[in-house]
Amino acid sequence: MHSLNLLLALVITPLVGHSLAASLQPILNTTFANPTNVGFYLYVPDRLQARPPVLVNPHWCHGSAQATFSGTRFARLADTHGFLVIYPDSPHTDDKCWDVSSPETLTHAAGGDSLGIV
């Protein structure tokens, strides 16, 4: 939960008071554990709840964060309900698949894509 609060402070605080149209934005400042360099994109709707829920929507194998953003309804639902959507992007450029079976990703806090996403 501490990492989420930090993420929200780093990403949303600069947006307060600005009238930006909702769009998919890369998260460039990652000060949290991200051993495999998972990429991240954030969707912040124009109307955000006071304590917004956060949905994390990883892409399918051979997909991308941008494809998931345009290929799912979560951004439209976020517009309606005022929640945040984080779209992780696989760092594995050869196949854009997630590491779902290594000992690092299957062990709590041991590394791998799962730690970067968390």
C-alpha atoms as a PDB file:
ATOM      1  CA  MET A   1       0.000   0.000   0.000  1.00  0.00           C
ATOM      2  CA  HIS A   2       2.913   2.351   0.697  1.00  0.00           C
ATOM      3  CA  SER A   3       4.157   1.961  -2.897  1.00  0.00           C
ATOM      4  CA  LEU A   4       0.700   2.807  -4.243  1.00  0.00           C
ATOM      5  CA  ASN A   5       0.497   5.959  -2.126  1.00  0.00           C
ATOM      6  CA  LEU A   6       3.950   6.965  -3.349  1.00  0.00           C
ATOM      7  CA  LEU A   7       2.971   6.300  -6.960  1.00  0.00           C
ATOM      8  CA  LEU A   8      -0.182   8.372  -6.606  1.00  0.00           C
ATOM      9  CA  ALA A   9       1.758  11.227  -5.027  1.00  0.00           C
ATOM     10  CA  LEU A  10       4.415  11.181  -7.767  1.00  0.00           C
ATOM     11  CA  VAL A  11       2.012  10.953 -10.664  1.00  0.00           C
ATOM     12  CA  ILE A  12      -1.203  12.678  -9.637  1.00  0.00           C
ATOM     13  CA  THR A  13       0.086  15.569  -7.531  1.00  0.00           C
ATOM     14  CA  PRO A  14       1.594  17.376 -10.554  1.00  0.00           C
ATOM     15  CA  LEU A  15      -1.770  17.016 -12.320  1.00  0.00           C
ATOM     16  CA  VAL A  16      -3.812  18.731  -9.598  1.00  0.00           C
ATOM     17  CA  GLY A  17      -4.977  22.124 -10.769  1.00  0.00           C
ATOM     18  CA  HIS A  18      -4.240  21.449 -14.432  1.00  0.00           C
ATOM     19  CA  SER A  19      -6.962  20.879 -16.972  1.00  0.00           C
ATOM     20  CA  LEU A  20      -5.532  18.011 -18.959  1.00  0.00           C
ATOM     21  CA  ALA A  21      -7.662  15.820 -21.153  1.00  0.00           C
ATOM     22  CA  ALA A  22      -7.659  12.243 -19.954  1.00  0.00           C
ATOM     23  CA  SER A  23      -5.148  10.203 -21.936  1.00  0.00           C
ATOM     24  CA  LEU A  24      -2.714   7.345 -21.509  1.00  0.00           C
ATOM     25  CA  GLN A  25       0.519   8.686 -20.007  1.00  0.00           C
ATOM     26  CA  PRO A  26       3.842   6.888 -19.451  1.00  0.00           C
ATOM     27  CA  ILE A  27       5.052   6.693 -15.868  1.00  0.00           C
ATOM     28  CA  LEU A  28       8.695   7.670 -16.084  1.00  0.00           C
ATOM     29  CA  ASN A  29       9.543   8.162 -12.408  1.00  0.00           C
ATOM     30  CA  THR A  30       9.616   4.687 -10.875  1.00  0.00           C
ATOM     31  CA  THR A  31      11.250   4.874  -7.470  1.00  0.00           C
ATOM     32  CA  PHE A  32       9.979   1.446  -6.424  1.00  0.00           C
ATOM     33  CA  ALA A  33      11.428  -2.054  -6.842  1.00  0.00           C
ATOM     34  CA  ASN A  34      11.277  -2.943 -10.532  1.00  0.00           C
ATOM     35  CA  PRO A  35      14.017  -5.521 -11.152  1.00  0.00           C
ATOM     36  CA  THR A  36      13.051  -6.357 -14.754  1.00  0.00           C
ATOM     37  CA  ASN A  37      12.219  -2.766 -15.794  1.00  0.00           C
ATOM     38  CA  VAL A  38       8.517  -3.301 -16.395  1.00  0.00           C
ATOM     39  CA  GLY A  39       7.141  -0.272 -18.227  1.00  0.00           C
ATOM     40  CA  PHE A  40       4.026   1.494 -16.990  1.00  0.00           C
ATOM     41  CA  TYR A  41       1.295   3.680 -18.399  1.00  0.00           C
ATOM     42  CA  LEU A  42      -1.368   5.403 -16.355  1.00  0.00           C
ATOM     43  CA  TYR A  43      -4.860   6.506 -17.242  1.00  0.00           C
ATOM     44  CA  VAL A  44      -6.310   9.227 -15.028  1.00  0.00           C
ATOM     45  CA  PRO A  45      -9.880  10.211 -15.940  1.00  0.00           C
ATOM     46  CA  ASP A  46     -10.903  13.864 -15.942  1.00  0.00           C
ATOM     47  CA  ARG A  47     -13.201  13.214 -12.961  1.00  0.00           C
ATOM     48  CA  LEU A  48     -11.428  11.264 -10.233  1.00  0.00           C
ATOM     49  CA  GLN A  49     -12.899   9.961  -6.975  1.00  0.00           C
ATOM     50  CA  ALA A  50     -11.441  11.429  -3.775  1.00  0.00           C
ATOM     51  CA  ARG A  51      -9.853   8.085  -2.859  1.00  0.00           C
ATOM     52  CA  PRO A  52      -9.806   6.400  -6.260  1.00  0.00           C
ATOM     53  CA  PRO A  53      -9.664   2.648  -6.669  1.00  0.00           C
ATOM     54  CA  VAL A  54      -6.783   1.431  -8.835  1.00  0.00           C
ATOM     55  CA  LEU A  55      -7.115  -1.239 -11.504  1.00  0.00           C
ATOM     56  CA  VAL A  56      -3.971  -2.874 -12.898  1.00  0.00           C
ATOM     57  CA  ASN A  57      -4.534  -4.311 -16.375  1.00  0.00           C
ATOM     58  CA  PRO A  58      -1.565  -6.284 -17.776  1.00  0.00           C
ATOM     59  CA  HIS A  59      -1.589  -7.087 -21.471  1.00  0.00           C
ATOM     60  CA  TRP A  60      -1.742 -10.472 -23.159  1.00  0.00           C
ATOM     61  CA  CYS A  61       1.298 -12.262 -24.579  1.00  0.00           C
ATOM     62  CA  HIS A  62       2.583 -10.459 -27.701  1.00  0.00           C
ATOM     63  CA  GLY A  63       0.499  -7.427 -26.702  1.00  0.00           C
ATOM     64  CA  SER A  64       1.357  -4.050 -25.250  1.00  0.00           C
ATOM     65  CA  ALA A  65       0.080  -1.574 -22.698  1.00  0.00           C
ATOM     66  CA  GLN A  66      -1.185   0.642 -25.519  1.00  0.00           C
ATOM     67  CA  ALA A  67      -3.054  -2.241 -27.160  1.00  0.00           C
ATOM     68  CA  THR A  68      -4.698  -3.117 -23.852  1.00  0.00           C
ATOM     69  CA  PHE A  69      -5.662   0.526 -23.328  1.00  0.00           C
ATOM     70  CA  SER A  70      -7.363   0.721 -26.728  1.00  0.00           C
ATOM     71  CA  GLY A  71      -8.626  -2.873 -26.744  1.00  0.00           C
ATOM     72  CA  THR A  72     -10.460  -2.953 -23.409  1.00  0.00           C
ATOM     73  CA  ARG A  73     -13.271  -0.886 -21.875  1.00  0.00           C
ATOM     74  CA  PHE A  74     -11.440  -0.022 -18.654  1.00  0.00           C
ATOM     75  CA  ALA A  75     -10.577   3.574 -19.634  1.00  0.00           C
ATOM     76  CA  ARG A  76     -14.225   4.280 -20.499  1.00  0.00           C
ATOM     77  CA  LEU A  77     -15.306   2.698 -17.212  1.00  0.00           C
ATOM     78  CA  ALA A  78     -12.731   4.818 -15.378  1.00  0.00           C
ATOM     79  CA  ASP A  79     -14.266   7.902 -17.013  1.00  0.00           C
ATOM     80  CA  THR A  80     -17.667   6.871 -15.684  1.00  0.00           C
ATOM     81  CA  HIS A  81     -16.630   5.741 -12.202  1.00  0.00           C
ATOM     82  CA  GLY A  82     -13.540   7.847 -11.452  1.00  0.00           C
ATOM     83  CA  PHE A  83     -10.877   5.200 -10.864  1.00  0.00           C
ATOM     84  CA  LEU A  84      -7.255   4.938 -12.047  1.00  0.00           C
ATOM     85  CA  VAL A  85      -6.008   2.336 -14.507  1.00  0.00           C
ATOM     86  CA  ILE A  86      -2.374   1.243 -14.608  1.00  0.00           C
ATOM     87  CA  TYR A  87      -1.265  -0.596 -17.741  1.00  0.00           C
ATOM     88  CA  PRO A  88       2.030  -2.462 -17.213  1.00  0.00           C
ATOM     89  CA  ASP A  89       4.122  -3.145 -20.307  1.00  0.00           C
ATOM     90  CA  SER A  90       6.287  -6.268 -20.557  1.00  0.00           C
ATOM     91  CA  PRO A  91      10.035  -5.580 -20.688  1.00  0.00           C
ATOM     92  CA  HIS A  92      10.619  -8.707 -22.795  1.00  0.00           C
ATOM     93  CA  THR A  93      10.881  -7.253 -26.282  1.00  0.00           C
ATOM     94  CA  ASP A  94      11.435 -10.609 -27.989  1.00  0.00           C
ATOM     95  CA  ASP A  95       7.877 -11.822 -27.360  1.00  0.00           C
ATOM     96  CA  LYS A  96       6.216  -9.219 -25.065  1.00  0.00           C
ATOM     97  CA  CYS A  97       5.121 -12.072 -22.764  1.00  0.00           C
ATOM     98  CA  TRP A  98       5.183 -11.856 -18.985  1.00  0.00           C
ATOM     99  CA  ASP A  99       7.477 -13.947 -16.797  1.00  0.00           C
ATOM    100  CA  VAL A 100       4.905 -16.166 -15.098  1.00  0.00           C
ATOM    101  CA  SER A 101       7.016 -19.174 -14.156  1.00  0.00           C
ATOM    102  CA  SER A 102      10.513 -18.235 -12.947  1.00  0.00           C
ATOM    103  CA  PRO A 103      11.428 -18.823  -9.289  1.00  0.00           C
ATOM    104  CA  GLU A 104      11.982 -15.047  -8.957  1.00  0.00           C
ATOM    105  CA  THR A 105       8.492 -14.100 -10.078  1.00  0.00           C
ATOM    106  CA  LEU A 106       6.815 -16.929  -8.120  1.00  0.00           C
ATOM    107  CA  THR A 107       8.526 -16.088  -4.817  1.00  0.00           C
ATOM    108  CA  HIS A 108       7.315 -13.152  -2.746  1.00  0.00           C
ATOM    109  CA  ALA A 109       9.615 -10.123  -3.198  1.00  0.00           C
ATOM    110  CA  ALA A 110      12.282 -12.203  -4.986  1.00  0.00           C
ATOM    111  CA  GLY A 111      12.237 -10.286  -8.256  1.00  0.00           C
ATOM    112  CA  GLY A 112      10.775 -10.886 -11.670  1.00  0.00           C
ATOM    113  CA  ASP A 113       7.990  -9.140 -13.511  1.00  0.00           C
ATOM    114  CA  SER A 114       5.514  -9.741 -10.687  1.00  0.00           C
ATOM    115  CA  LEU A 115       7.555  -7.649  -8.241  1.00  0.00           C
ATOM    116  CA  GLY A 116       7.809  -4.819 -10.749  1.00  0.00           C
ATOM    117  CA  ILE A 117       4.048  -4.819 -11.260  1.00  0.00           C
ATOM    118  CA  VAL A 118       3.307  -4.947  -7.543  1.00  0.00           C
END
